[in-house]
Amino acid sequence: RIRDEIVHAQTLLTYELGEIPKLFAYPYGEYNQEILEIVKTEGFTGFGQQSGAAGPTTSSLVFPRFPLSGVYSDFESFKTKIKKKIS
């Protein structure tokens, strides 16, 4: 069921928007090994909910993503987040 939902959503997005990258944001940033395998098998790049910089050893299945809504949505905070560097 999970695989079908992910693939169906991508199909709808492609139909409505044309060819788009296969990007997947885990709902609430939560995932398990089964979902990681589905995302990998279907060729998606995944985004978790953990914050931090991406680097050479970051898995393409769980790139970090930063919250950008509510109290985290001000422009100064956004500028700081996009300038994150690996130390």
PDB file of N, CA and C in Angstrom:
ATOM      1  N   ARG A   1       0.823  -1.194   0.000  1.00  0.00           N
ATOM      2  CA  ARG A   1       0.000   0.000   0.000  1.00  0.00           C
ATOM      3  C   ARG A   1       0.867   1.257   0.000  1.00  0.00           C
ATOM      4  N   ILE A   2       1.920   1.274   0.798  1.00  0.00           N
ATOM      5  CA  ILE A   2       2.777   2.456   0.887  1.00  0.00           C
ATOM      6  C   ILE A   2       3.429   2.737  -0.468  1.00  0.00           C
ATOM      7  N   ARG A   3       3.985   1.691  -1.086  1.00  0.00           N
ATOM      8  CA  ARG A   3       4.611   1.859  -2.400  1.00  0.00           C
ATOM      9  C   ARG A   3       3.593   2.416  -3.403  1.00  0.00           C
ATOM     10  N   ASP A   4       2.396   1.861  -3.404  1.00  0.00           N
ATOM     11  CA  ASP A   4       1.364   2.313  -4.337  1.00  0.00           C
ATOM     12  C   ASP A   4       1.027   3.789  -4.132  1.00  0.00           C
ATOM     13  N   GLU A   5       0.946   4.215  -2.883  1.00  0.00           N
ATOM     14  CA  GLU A   5       0.629   5.617  -2.595  1.00  0.00           C
ATOM     15  C   GLU A   5       1.740   6.551  -3.080  1.00  0.00           C
ATOM     16  N   ILE A   6       2.986   6.161  -2.835  1.00  0.00           N
ATOM     17  CA  ILE A   6       4.120   6.990  -3.256  1.00  0.00           C
ATOM     18  C   ILE A   6       4.176   7.087  -4.776  1.00  0.00           C
ATOM     19  N   VAL A   7       4.059   5.950  -5.450  1.00  0.00           N
ATOM     20  CA  VAL A   7       4.131   5.923  -6.912  1.00  0.00           C
ATOM     21  C   VAL A   7       2.939   6.670  -7.517  1.00  0.00           C
ATOM     22  N   HIS A   8       1.759   6.484  -6.955  1.00  0.00           N
ATOM     23  CA  HIS A   8       0.567   7.176  -7.469  1.00  0.00           C
ATOM     24  C   HIS A   8       0.705   8.692  -7.325  1.00  0.00           C
ATOM     25  N   ALA A   9       1.212   9.146  -6.186  1.00  0.00           N
ATOM     26  CA  ALA A   9       1.403  10.590  -5.977  1.00  0.00           C
ATOM     27  C   ALA A   9       2.378  11.153  -7.007  1.00  0.00           C
ATOM     28  N   GLN A  10       3.470  10.446  -7.264  1.00  0.00           N
ATOM     29  CA  GLN A  10       4.445  10.908  -8.256  1.00  0.00           C
ATOM     30  C   GLN A  10       3.823  10.934  -9.649  1.00  0.00           C
ATOM     31  N   THR A  11       3.009   9.939  -9.967  1.00  0.00           N
ATOM     32  CA  THR A  11       2.329   9.888 -11.262  1.00  0.00           C
ATOM     33  C   THR A  11       1.410  11.082 -11.434  1.00  0.00           C
ATOM     34  N   LEU A  12       0.644  11.414 -10.395  1.00  0.00           N
ATOM     35  CA  LEU A  12      -0.253  12.577 -10.462  1.00  0.00           C
ATOM     36  C   LEU A  12       0.522  13.876 -10.621  1.00  0.00           C
ATOM     37  N   LEU A  13       1.598  14.023  -9.857  1.00  0.00           N
ATOM     38  CA  LEU A  13       2.410  15.235  -9.968  1.00  0.00           C
ATOM     39  C   LEU A  13       3.006  15.371 -11.370  1.00  0.00           C
ATOM     40  N   THR A  14       3.498  14.277 -11.915  1.00  0.00           N
ATOM     41  CA  THR A  14       4.065  14.302 -13.261  1.00  0.00           C
ATOM     42  C   THR A  14       2.998  14.649 -14.293  1.00  0.00           C
ATOM     43  N   TYR A  15       1.817  14.101 -14.136  1.00  0.00           N
ATOM     44  CA  TYR A  15       0.708  14.380 -15.053  1.00  0.00           C
ATOM     45  C   TYR A  15       0.341  15.863 -15.022  1.00  0.00           C
ATOM     46  N   GLU A  16       0.256  16.423 -13.817  1.00  0.00           N
ATOM     47  CA  GLU A  16      -0.167  17.818 -13.657  1.00  0.00           C
ATOM     48  C   GLU A  16       0.937  18.823 -13.970  1.00  0.00           C
ATOM     49  N   LEU A  17       2.193  18.484 -13.674  1.00  0.00           N
ATOM     50  CA  LEU A  17       3.282  19.453 -13.761  1.00  0.00           C
ATOM     51  C   LEU A  17       4.303  19.158 -14.848  1.00  0.00           C
ATOM     52  N   GLY A  18       4.228  17.987 -15.448  1.00  0.00           N
ATOM     53  CA  GLY A  18       5.248  17.585 -16.403  1.00  0.00           C
ATOM     54  C   GLY A  18       6.350  16.846 -15.668  1.00  0.00           C
ATOM     55  N   GLU A  19       7.431  16.579 -16.355  1.00  0.00           N
ATOM     56  CA  GLU A  19       8.542  15.820 -15.765  1.00  0.00           C
ATOM     57  C   GLU A  19       9.140  16.593 -14.597  1.00  0.00           C
ATOM     58  N   ILE A  20       9.209  15.950 -13.460  1.00  0.00           N
ATOM     59  CA  ILE A  20       9.742  16.586 -12.252  1.00  0.00           C
ATOM     60  C   ILE A  20      10.688  15.621 -11.551  1.00  0.00           C
ATOM     61  N   PRO A  21      11.576  16.142 -10.706  1.00  0.00           N
ATOM     62  CA  PRO A  21      12.489  15.252  -9.960  1.00  0.00           C
ATOM     63  C   PRO A  21      11.703  14.336  -9.018  1.00  0.00           C
ATOM     64  N   LYS A  22      12.257  13.191  -8.745  1.00  0.00           N
ATOM     65  CA  LYS A  22      11.631  12.241  -7.822  1.00  0.00           C
ATOM     66  C   LYS A  22      12.152  12.529  -6.411  1.00  0.00           C
ATOM     67  N   LEU A  23      11.472  13.460  -5.744  1.00  0.00           N
ATOM     68  CA  LEU A  23      11.836  13.871  -4.391  1.00  0.00           C
ATOM     69  C   LEU A  23      10.745  13.423  -3.437  1.00  0.00           C
ATOM     70  N   PHE A  24      11.143  12.918  -2.275  1.00  0.00           N
ATOM     71  CA  PHE A  24      10.163  12.433  -1.316  1.00  0.00           C
ATOM     72  C   PHE A  24      10.490  12.957   0.074  1.00  0.00           C
ATOM     73  N   ALA A  25       9.545  13.692   0.656  1.00  0.00           N
ATOM     74  CA  ALA A  25       9.681  14.162   2.034  1.00  0.00           C
ATOM     75  C   ALA A  25       8.868  13.219   2.912  1.00  0.00           C
ATOM     76  N   TYR A  26       9.554  12.529   3.817  1.00  0.00           N
ATOM     77  CA  TYR A  26       8.867  11.597   4.699  1.00  0.00           C
ATOM     78  C   TYR A  26       7.858  12.366   5.554  1.00  0.00           C
ATOM     79  N   PRO A  27       6.609  11.904   5.600  1.00  0.00           N
ATOM     80  CA  PRO A  27       5.610  12.598   6.420  1.00  0.00           C
ATOM     81  C   PRO A  27       6.084  12.713   7.869  1.00  0.00           C
ATOM     82  N   TYR A  28       6.067  13.927   8.372  1.00  0.00           N
ATOM     83  CA  TYR A  28       6.536  14.236   9.725  1.00  0.00           C
ATOM     84  C   TYR A  28       8.003  13.862   9.912  1.00  0.00           C
ATOM     85  N   GLY A  29       8.707  13.602   8.823  1.00  0.00           N
ATOM     86  CA  GLY A  29      10.110  13.238   8.887  1.00  0.00           C
ATOM     87  C   GLY A  29      10.350  11.817   9.359  1.00  0.00           C
ATOM     88  N   GLU A  30       9.292  11.043   9.512  1.00  0.00           N
ATOM     89  CA  GLU A  30       9.392   9.690  10.069  1.00  0.00           C
ATOM     90  C   GLU A  30       9.518   8.649   8.969  1.00  0.00           C
ATOM     91  N   TYR A  31      10.372   7.665   9.200  1.00  0.00           N
ATOM     92  CA  TYR A  31      10.548   6.579   8.246  1.00  0.00           C
ATOM     93  C   TYR A  31      11.069   5.354   8.981  1.00  0.00           C
ATOM     94  N   ASN A  32      10.986   4.218   8.307  1.00  0.00           N
ATOM     95  CA  ASN A  32      11.566   2.989   8.834  1.00  0.00           C
ATOM     96  C   ASN A  32      12.291   2.294   7.682  1.00  0.00           C
ATOM     97  N   GLN A  33      12.879   1.141   7.947  1.00  0.00           N
ATOM     98  CA  GLN A  33      13.674   0.454   6.931  1.00  0.00           C
ATOM     99  C   GLN A  33      12.835   0.085   5.707  1.00  0.00           C
ATOM    100  N   GLU A  34      11.591  -0.326   5.918  1.00  0.00           N
ATOM    101  CA  GLU A  34      10.714  -0.680   4.801  1.00  0.00           C
ATOM    102  C   GLU A  34      10.499   0.516   3.869  1.00  0.00           C
ATOM    103  N   ILE A  35      10.234   1.656   4.449  1.00  0.00           N
ATOM    104  CA  ILE A  35       9.986   2.857   3.633  1.00  0.00           C
ATOM    105  C   ILE A  35      11.275   3.307   2.951  1.00  0.00           C
ATOM    106  N   LEU A  36      12.411   3.230   3.642  1.00  0.00           N
ATOM    107  CA  LEU A  36      13.692   3.564   3.008  1.00  0.00           C
ATOM    108  C   LEU A  36      13.920   2.695   1.770  1.00  0.00           C
ATOM    109  N   GLU A  37      13.615   1.411   1.874  1.00  0.00           N
ATOM    110  CA  GLU A  37      13.790   0.502   0.741  1.00  0.00           C
ATOM    111  C   GLU A  37      12.870   0.863  -0.419  1.00  0.00           C
ATOM    112  N   ILE A  38      11.641   1.241  -0.127  1.00  0.00           N
ATOM    113  CA  ILE A  38      10.702   1.645  -1.183  1.00  0.00           C
ATOM    114  C   ILE A  38      11.216   2.891  -1.880  1.00  0.00           C
ATOM    115  N   VAL A  39      11.624   3.882  -1.111  1.00  0.00           N
ATOM    116  CA  VAL A  39      12.135   5.132  -1.676  1.00  0.00           C
ATOM    117  C   VAL A  39      13.367   4.849  -2.539  1.00  0.00           C
ATOM    118  N   LYS A  40      14.250   3.991  -2.069  1.00  0.00           N
ATOM    119  CA  LYS A  40      15.454   3.634  -2.825  1.00  0.00           C
ATOM    120  C   LYS A  40      15.093   2.887  -4.110  1.00  0.00           C
ATOM    121  N   THR A  41      14.264   1.874  -4.003  1.00  0.00           N
ATOM    122  CA  THR A  41      13.887   1.050  -5.156  1.00  0.00           C
ATOM    123  C   THR A  41      13.186   1.871  -6.227  1.00  0.00           C
ATOM    124  N   GLU A  42      12.365   2.814  -5.812  1.00  0.00           N
ATOM    125  CA  GLU A  42      11.613   3.637  -6.763  1.00  0.00           C
ATOM    126  C   GLU A  42      12.428   4.815  -7.298  1.00  0.00           C
ATOM    127  N   GLY A  43      13.660   4.978  -6.816  1.00  0.00           N
ATOM    128  CA  GLY A  43      14.553   5.995  -7.355  1.00  0.00           C
ATOM    129  C   GLY A  43      14.328   7.408  -6.851  1.00  0.00           C
ATOM    130  N   PHE A  44      13.774   7.531  -5.655  1.00  0.00           N
ATOM    131  CA  PHE A  44      13.542   8.854  -5.082  1.00  0.00           C
ATOM    132  C   PHE A  44      14.740   9.317  -4.272  1.00  0.00           C
ATOM    133  N   THR A  45      14.865  10.612  -4.115  1.00  0.00           N
ATOM    134  CA  THR A  45      15.746  11.221  -3.133  1.00  0.00           C
ATOM    135  C   THR A  45      14.856  11.556  -1.942  1.00  0.00           C
ATOM    136  N   GLY A  46      15.255  11.133  -0.752  1.00  0.00           N
ATOM    137  CA  GLY A  46      14.419  11.318   0.428  1.00  0.00           C
ATOM    138  C   GLY A  46      14.916  12.425   1.340  1.00  0.00           C
ATOM    139  N   PHE A  47      13.960  13.032   2.035  1.00  0.00           N
ATOM    140  CA  PHE A  47      14.257  14.106   2.982  1.00  0.00           C
ATOM    141  C   PHE A  47      13.601  13.790   4.308  1.00  0.00           C
ATOM    142  N   GLY A  48      14.432  13.691   5.370  1.00  0.00           N
ATOM    143  CA  GLY A  48      13.921  13.453   6.717  1.00  0.00           C
ATOM    144  C   GLY A  48      13.551  14.767   7.382  1.00  0.00           C
ATOM    145  N   GLN A  49      13.429  14.764   8.693  1.00  0.00           N
ATOM    146  CA  GLN A  49      13.098  15.988   9.417  1.00  0.00           C
ATOM    147  C   GLN A  49      14.280  16.492  10.230  1.00  0.00           C
ATOM    148  N   GLN A  50      15.387  15.757  10.221  1.00  0.00           N
ATOM    149  CA  GLN A  50      16.539  16.199  10.988  1.00  0.00           C
ATOM    150  C   GLN A  50      17.160  17.433  10.330  1.00  0.00           C
ATOM    151  N   SER A  51      17.622  18.345  11.129  1.00  0.00           N
ATOM    152  CA  SER A  51      18.280  19.536  10.621  1.00  0.00           C
ATOM    153  C   SER A  51      19.779  19.280  10.530  1.00  0.00           C
ATOM    154  N   GLY A  52      20.464  20.080   9.761  1.00  0.00           N
ATOM    155  CA  GLY A  52      21.911  19.966   9.657  1.00  0.00           C
ATOM    156  C   GLY A  52      22.347  20.134   8.221  1.00  0.00           C
ATOM    157  N   ALA A  53      23.640  20.190   8.061  1.00  0.00           N
ATOM    158  CA  ALA A  53      24.194  20.351   6.718  1.00  0.00           C
ATOM    159  C   ALA A  53      24.317  18.987   6.047  1.00  0.00           C
ATOM    160  N   ALA A  54      24.145  18.966   4.745  1.00  0.00           N
ATOM    161  CA  ALA A  54      24.384  17.743   3.970  1.00  0.00           C
ATOM    162  C   ALA A  54      25.844  17.730   3.557  1.00  0.00           C
ATOM    163  N   GLY A  55      26.435  16.551   3.533  1.00  0.00           N
ATOM    164  CA  GLY A  55      27.839  16.430   3.163  1.00  0.00           C
ATOM    165  C   GLY A  55      28.078  15.212   2.301  1.00  0.00           C
ATOM    166  N   PRO A  56      29.333  14.924   2.036  1.00  0.00           N
ATOM    167  CA  PRO A  56      29.681  13.812   1.152  1.00  0.00           C
ATOM    168  C   PRO A  56      29.196  12.446   1.649  1.00  0.00           C
ATOM    169  N   THR A  57      28.996  12.302   2.936  1.00  0.00           N
ATOM    170  CA  THR A  57      28.560  11.012   3.463  1.00  0.00           C
ATOM    171  C   THR A  57      27.060  10.956   3.749  1.00  0.00           C
ATOM    172  N   THR A  58      26.341  12.029   3.427  1.00  0.00           N
ATOM    173  CA  THR A  58      24.902  12.049   3.652  1.00  0.00           C
ATOM    174  C   THR A  58      24.212  11.102   2.676  1.00  0.00           C
ATOM    175  N   SER A  59      23.343  10.259   3.194  1.00  0.00           N
ATOM    176  CA  SER A  59      22.593   9.333   2.347  1.00  0.00           C
ATOM    177  C   SER A  59      21.562  10.098   1.525  1.00  0.00           C
ATOM    178  N   SER A  60      21.446   9.755   0.243  1.00  0.00           N
ATOM    179  CA  SER A  60      20.441  10.398  -0.606  1.00  0.00           C
ATOM    180  C   SER A  60      19.035   9.956  -0.231  1.00  0.00           C
ATOM    181  N   LEU A  61      18.917   9.043   0.711  1.00  0.00           N
ATOM    182  CA  LEU A  61      17.602   8.607   1.177  1.00  0.00           C
ATOM    183  C   LEU A  61      17.102   9.416   2.359  1.00  0.00           C
ATOM    184  N   VAL A  62      17.998  10.144   3.028  1.00  0.00           N
ATOM    185  CA  VAL A  62      17.595  10.910   4.222  1.00  0.00           C
ATOM    186  C   VAL A  62      18.333  12.241   4.319  1.00  0.00           C
ATOM    187  N   PHE A  63      18.269  13.034   3.265  1.00  0.00           N
ATOM    188  CA  PHE A  63      18.840  14.373   3.352  1.00  0.00           C
ATOM    189  C   PHE A  63      18.126  15.148   4.451  1.00  0.00           C
ATOM    190  N   PRO A  64      18.842  16.054   5.125  1.00  0.00           N
ATOM    191  CA  PRO A  64      18.185  16.869   6.142  1.00  0.00           C
ATOM    192  C   PRO A  64      17.255  17.894   5.500  1.00  0.00           C
ATOM    193  N   ARG A  65      16.246  18.256   6.218  1.00  0.00           N
ATOM    194  CA  ARG A  65      15.385  19.363   5.783  1.00  0.00           C
ATOM    195  C   ARG A  65      15.093  20.213   7.004  1.00  0.00           C
ATOM    196  N   PHE A  66      14.948  21.486   6.761  1.00  0.00           N
ATOM    197  CA  PHE A  66      14.709  22.435   7.838  1.00  0.00           C
ATOM    198  C   PHE A  66      13.253  22.866   7.819  1.00  0.00           C
ATOM    199  N   PRO A  67      12.636  23.024   8.980  1.00  0.00           N
ATOM    200  CA  PRO A  67      11.270  23.544   9.010  1.00  0.00           C
ATOM    201  C   PRO A  67      11.260  24.993   8.541  1.00  0.00           C
ATOM    202  N   LEU A  68      10.262  25.334   7.745  1.00  0.00           N
ATOM    203  CA  LEU A  68      10.125  26.707   7.247  1.00  0.00           C
ATOM    204  C   LEU A  68       8.688  27.196   7.389  1.00  0.00           C
ATOM    205  N   SER A  69       8.053  26.826   8.485  1.00  0.00           N
ATOM    206  CA  SER A  69       6.686  27.287   8.715  1.00  0.00           C
ATOM    207  C   SER A  69       6.554  27.756  10.158  1.00  0.00           C
ATOM    208  N   GLY A  70       5.474  28.410  10.446  1.00  0.00           N
ATOM    209  CA  GLY A  70       5.215  28.884  11.807  1.00  0.00           C
ATOM    210  C   GLY A  70       6.338  29.759  12.326  1.00  0.00           C
ATOM    211  N   VAL A  71       6.823  29.455  13.514  1.00  0.00           N
ATOM    212  CA  VAL A  71       7.879  30.266  14.133  1.00  0.00           C
ATOM    213  C   VAL A  71       9.208  30.142  13.396  1.00  0.00           C
ATOM    214  N   TYR A  72       9.331  29.179  12.493  1.00  0.00           N
ATOM    215  CA  TYR A  72      10.568  28.969  11.737  1.00  0.00           C
ATOM    216  C   TYR A  72      10.519  29.602  10.351  1.00  0.00           C
ATOM    217  N   SER A  73       9.545  30.464  10.091  1.00  0.00           N
ATOM    218  CA  SER A  73       9.321  30.929   8.726  1.00  0.00           C
ATOM    219  C   SER A  73       9.834  32.333   8.418  1.00  0.00           C
ATOM    220  N   ASP A  74      10.529  32.977   9.341  1.00  0.00           N
ATOM    221  CA  ASP A  74      10.994  34.332   9.048  1.00  0.00           C
ATOM    222  C   ASP A  74      12.148  34.289   8.035  1.00  0.00           C
ATOM    223  N   PHE A  75      12.309  35.350   7.277  1.00  0.00           N
ATOM    224  CA  PHE A  75      13.277  35.394   6.185  1.00  0.00           C
ATOM    225  C   PHE A  75      14.713  35.292   6.678  1.00  0.00           C
ATOM    226  N   GLU A  76      15.035  35.898   7.810  1.00  0.00           N
ATOM    227  CA  GLU A  76      16.400  35.818   8.341  1.00  0.00           C
ATOM    228  C   GLU A  76      16.763  34.373   8.678  1.00  0.00           C
ATOM    229  N   SER A  77      15.832  33.656   9.258  1.00  0.00           N
ATOM    230  CA  SER A  77      16.064  32.246   9.574  1.00  0.00           C
ATOM    231  C   SER A  77      16.284  31.448   8.290  1.00  0.00           C
ATOM    232  N   PHE A  78      15.511  31.745   7.259  1.00  0.00           N
ATOM    233  CA  PHE A  78      15.664  31.069   5.969  1.00  0.00           C
ATOM    234  C   PHE A  78      17.057  31.309   5.393  1.00  0.00           C
ATOM    235  N   LYS A  79      17.528  32.554   5.428  1.00  0.00           N
ATOM    236  CA  LYS A  79      18.857  32.864   4.892  1.00  0.00           C
ATOM    237  C   LYS A  79      19.941  32.092   5.640  1.00  0.00           C
ATOM    238  N   THR A  80      19.804  31.992   6.954  1.00  0.00           N
ATOM    239  CA  THR A  80      20.778  31.237   7.748  1.00  0.00           C
ATOM    240  C   THR A  80      20.770  29.761   7.345  1.00  0.00           C
ATOM    241  N   LYS A  81      19.604  29.195   7.160  1.00  0.00           N
ATOM    242  CA  LYS A  81      19.481  27.780   6.834  1.00  0.00           C
ATOM    243  C   LYS A  81      20.095  27.436   5.476  1.00  0.00           C
ATOM    244  N   ILE A  82      19.898  28.283   4.485  1.00  0.00           N
ATOM    245  CA  ILE A  82      20.418  27.957   3.160  1.00  0.00           C
ATOM    246  C   ILE A  82      21.924  28.182   3.054  1.00  0.00           C
ATOM    247  N   LYS A  83      22.505  28.880   4.025  1.00  0.00           N
ATOM    248  CA  LYS A  83      23.948  29.109   4.010  1.00  0.00           C
ATOM    249  C   LYS A  83      24.717  28.103   4.863  1.00  0.00           C
ATOM    250  N   LYS A  84      24.029  27.094   5.397  1.00  0.00           N
ATOM    251  CA  LYS A  84      24.693  26.096   6.242  1.00  0.00           C
ATOM    252  C   LYS A  84      25.825  25.437   5.497  1.00  0.00           C
ATOM    253  N   LYS A  85      26.944  25.314   6.174  1.00  0.00           N
ATOM    254  CA  LYS A  85      28.122  24.654   5.593  1.00  0.00           C
ATOM    255  C   LYS A  85      28.564  23.531   6.512  1.00  0.00           C
ATOM    256  N   ILE A  86      29.207  22.581   5.934  1.00  0.00           N
ATOM    257  CA  ILE A  86      29.761  21.478   6.706  1.00  0.00           C
ATOM    258  C   ILE A  86      31.035  21.985   7.382  1.00  0.00           C
ATOM    259  N   SER A  87      31.145  21.740   8.686  1.00  0.00           N
ATOM    260  CA  SER A  87      32.369  22.184   9.353  1.00  0.00           C
ATOM    261  C   SER A  87      33.323  21.046   9.577  1.00  0.00           C
TER     262      SER A  87
END
